[in-house]
Protein backbone atom coordinates (compact mmCIF):
# COMPACT_ATOMS: atom_id res chain seq x y z
CA MET A 1 -25.78 21.78 21.48
CA ASP A 2 -23.35 21.59 18.61
CA LYS A 3 -19.62 20.34 19.15
CA ILE A 4 -18.35 23.57 18.87
CA THR A 5 -20.06 25.20 21.74
CA LYS A 6 -19.10 22.01 23.84
CA ARG A 7 -15.60 22.63 23.49
CA ARG A 8 -13.61 23.71 26.48
CA GLY A 9 -10.20 25.58 26.77
CA PRO A 10 -9.15 28.39 24.49
CA PRO A 11 -9.15 28.52 20.76
CA THR A 12 -6.98 26.62 18.65
CA LYS A 13 -3.98 28.44 17.46
CA TYR A 14 -4.68 27.32 13.34
CA ASN A 15 -2.55 29.35 11.34
CA ASP A 16 -3.14 29.79 7.35
CA ASP A 17 0.66 27.97 7.17
CA TYR A 18 -0.01 25.14 8.15
CA PRO A 19 -1.32 23.24 5.31
CA ARG A 20 2.09 23.59 3.42
CA MET A 21 4.03 22.71 6.38
CA ALA A 22 2.10 19.32 7.51
CA LYS A 23 2.22 18.33 3.64
CA ILE A 24 6.17 19.00 3.42
CA ALA A 25 6.22 17.01 7.11
CA CYS A 26 4.28 14.23 5.68
CA GLU A 27 6.02 13.86 2.40
CA GLU A 28 9.39 14.42 3.73
CA GLY A 29 9.00 12.76 7.44
CA GLY A 30 6.27 10.35 6.57
CA LEU A 31 4.73 11.84 10.01
CA THR A 32 1.31 10.49 11.51
CA ASP A 33 -1.04 12.77 12.96
CA ILE A 34 0.31 12.27 16.75
CA GLY A 35 4.08 13.58 14.32
CA ILE A 36 2.04 16.68 13.29
CA ALA A 37 0.53 17.75 16.15
CA LYS A 38 4.36 17.24 18.09
CA LEU A 39 5.09 19.67 15.18
CA PHE A 40 2.56 22.33 15.40
CA ASN A 41 2.67 21.81 19.64
CA VAL A 42 -1.12 20.62 19.84
CA CYS A 43 -2.71 17.54 20.98
CA LYS A 44 -3.80 14.51 18.14
CA ALA A 45 -7.59 15.35 18.47
CA THR A 46 -6.41 19.30 17.25
CA ILE A 47 -5.11 17.84 14.38
CA THR A 48 -8.56 16.00 14.29
CA ILE A 49 -10.34 18.75 14.70
CA TRP A 50 -8.55 20.76 11.89
CA LYS A 51 -9.13 18.18 9.58
CA ARG A 52 -12.54 18.38 9.96
CA GLU A 53 -12.72 22.58 10.40
CA TYR A 54 -10.46 23.06 7.27
CA PRO A 55 -10.75 20.35 4.19
CA GLU A 56 -7.35 22.46 2.87
CA PHE A 57 -5.41 21.16 5.86
CA LYS A 58 -7.02 17.69 5.55
CA GLU A 59 -6.20 17.38 2.16
CA ALA A 60 -2.75 18.72 2.51
CA VAL A 61 -2.03 16.08 5.60
CA ARG A 62 -3.46 13.22 3.16
CA ALA A 63 -1.63 13.94 -0.20
CA GLY A 64 1.70 14.56 1.73
CA LYS A 65 1.02 10.60 3.65
CA GLU A 66 0.36 9.31 0.35
CA PHE A 67 3.26 10.77 -1.15
CA PHE A 68 5.69 9.00 1.37
CA ASP A 69 3.67 6.05 1.21
CA THR A 70 4.22 5.80 -2.57
CA GLN A 71 7.83 7.56 -3.09
CA TYR A 72 9.37 5.09 0.12
CA VAL A 73 7.10 2.66 1.83
CA GLU A 74 5.96 0.94 -1.39
CA LYS A 75 9.50 0.81 -3.08
CA ALA A 76 10.95 -0.44 0.42
CA LEU A 77 8.26 -3.17 0.28
CA LEU A 78 8.88 -4.24 -3.06
CA LYS A 79 12.66 -4.27 -3.20
CA ARG A 80 12.10 -6.73 0.24
CA ALA A 81 9.69 -8.89 -1.91
CA ILE A 82 11.96 -9.51 -4.68
CA GLY A 83 15.26 -9.38 -3.00
CA TYR A 84 18.42 -7.12 -3.45
CA SER A 85 22.18 -6.64 -3.65
CA TYR A 86 24.05 -4.31 -1.42
CA SER A 87 27.60 -3.78 -0.37
CA GLU A 88 29.16 -4.70 2.96
CA VAL A 89 32.35 -2.79 4.11
CA VAL A 90 34.34 -4.96 6.82
CA GLN A 91 36.56 -2.79 9.20
CA GLU A 92 38.96 -4.01 12.03
CA ALA A 93 41.43 -2.87 14.06
CA ASP A 94 45.15 -2.96 13.37
CA ASP A 95 47.55 -2.91 15.76
CA ASP A 96 47.56 0.48 16.76
CA GLY A 97 43.73 0.21 17.73
CA ASN A 98 42.57 1.98 14.52
CA LEU A 99 39.97 0.71 11.99
CA VAL A 100 40.87 -0.18 9.09
CA ILE A 101 38.86 -1.53 5.94
CA THR A 102 39.89 -5.12 5.59
CA ARG A 103 37.61 -6.33 3.31
CA LYS A 104 34.49 -5.26 0.77
CA LEU A 105 32.05 -7.70 0.24
CA ARG A 106 28.89 -7.82 -1.99
CA LYS A 107 26.16 -9.26 -0.12
CA HIS A 108 22.23 -10.16 -1.63
CA LEU A 109 19.50 -10.61 0.36
CA ALA A 110 16.78 -13.11 -1.04
CA GLY A 111 13.10 -11.83 -1.23
CA ASP A 112 10.80 -12.08 1.73
CA VAL A 113 7.67 -14.80 1.01
CA LYS A 114 5.59 -12.46 3.14
CA ALA A 115 6.44 -9.45 2.08
CA GLN A 116 5.60 -10.88 -1.74
CA VAL A 117 2.17 -12.58 -0.35
CA PHE A 118 1.56 -8.73 0.94
CA TRP A 119 2.28 -7.22 -2.12
CA LEU A 120 0.29 -10.13 -4.82
CA ARG A 121 -2.90 -9.99 -2.17
CA ASN A 122 -2.78 -5.77 -2.05
CA ARG A 123 -1.80 -5.70 -5.88
CA SER A 124 -4.18 -8.32 -7.48
CA ARG A 125 -6.97 -9.29 -4.76
CA LYS A 126 -8.56 -11.53 -7.35
CA ARG A 127 -5.65 -13.58 -8.01
CA TRP A 128 -4.58 -13.96 -4.57
CA PRO A 129 -7.22 -13.47 -2.28
CA ASP A 130 -7.10 -12.86 1.55
CA THR A 131 -9.89 -15.60 2.15
CA GLN A 132 -10.22 -19.17 1.60
CA LYS A 133 -13.38 -20.61 0.63
CA PHE A 134 -14.95 -23.59 2.53
CA ASP A 135 -17.77 -26.35 1.50
CA SER A 136 -20.53 -24.92 3.69
CA ASN A 137 -23.02 -27.25 2.70
CA VAL A 138 -22.85 -29.44 6.64
CA ASN A 139 -26.03 -31.38 7.52
CA VAL A 140 -26.43 -30.11 11.24
CA GLY A 141 -29.24 -32.67 11.69
CA LEU A 142 -26.77 -35.16 12.16
CA THR A 143 -25.59 -36.71 15.43
CA HIS A 144 -21.72 -36.52 16.35
CA GLU A 145 -21.22 -40.26 15.46
CA GLU A 146 -23.12 -39.78 12.00
CA LEU A 147 -21.11 -36.80 11.48
CA LEU A 148 -17.63 -38.31 12.06
CA ASP A 149 -18.87 -41.26 9.82
CA GLN A 150 -19.35 -39.00 7.02
CA LEU A 151 -16.14 -37.52 7.07
CA GLU A 152 -14.44 -40.53 7.07
CA GLU A 153 -16.19 -41.42 4.12
CA SER A 154 -14.94 -38.44 2.01
CA PRO A 155 -12.98 -38.87 -0.73
CA SER A 156 -11.32 -35.36 -0.18
CA ASN A 157 -10.32 -36.50 3.49
CA ASN A 158 -8.85 -40.34 2.43
CA PRO A 159 -4.89 -40.01 1.93
CA VAL A 160 -3.70 -40.50 -2.23
């Protein structure tokens, strides 16, 4: 028995305008599948079914999410990685209790090391791999004491 005949409940209310609407919602609002489900007043499982049964819907959602990620999230990550300057307006209450601008400051936020590492590891995996290489030449036939002696004699463990 295939999956279509196993479904219960009324058929979903798919509309030919949904791909266009989903793409715009993902591009402009960064919606996830749950957000798209709320937009169309269906459950997330229905969105999954629509993506499987309607290739144009799946492609629209994918393209919308990719656009949002590249236009907003990647730029924000890069900005955070390299640091940026911004203006800050300081307001204080005057004698009458009204807020007035007292100072305008120019501030600089330094680059964030975690964002830099994340950017480099994803941008250049060969130069910035996410793994460490270890020498795996270990003789498992040694006793605990022999292994400790060997480690103590190793030149890489001796302090300089």
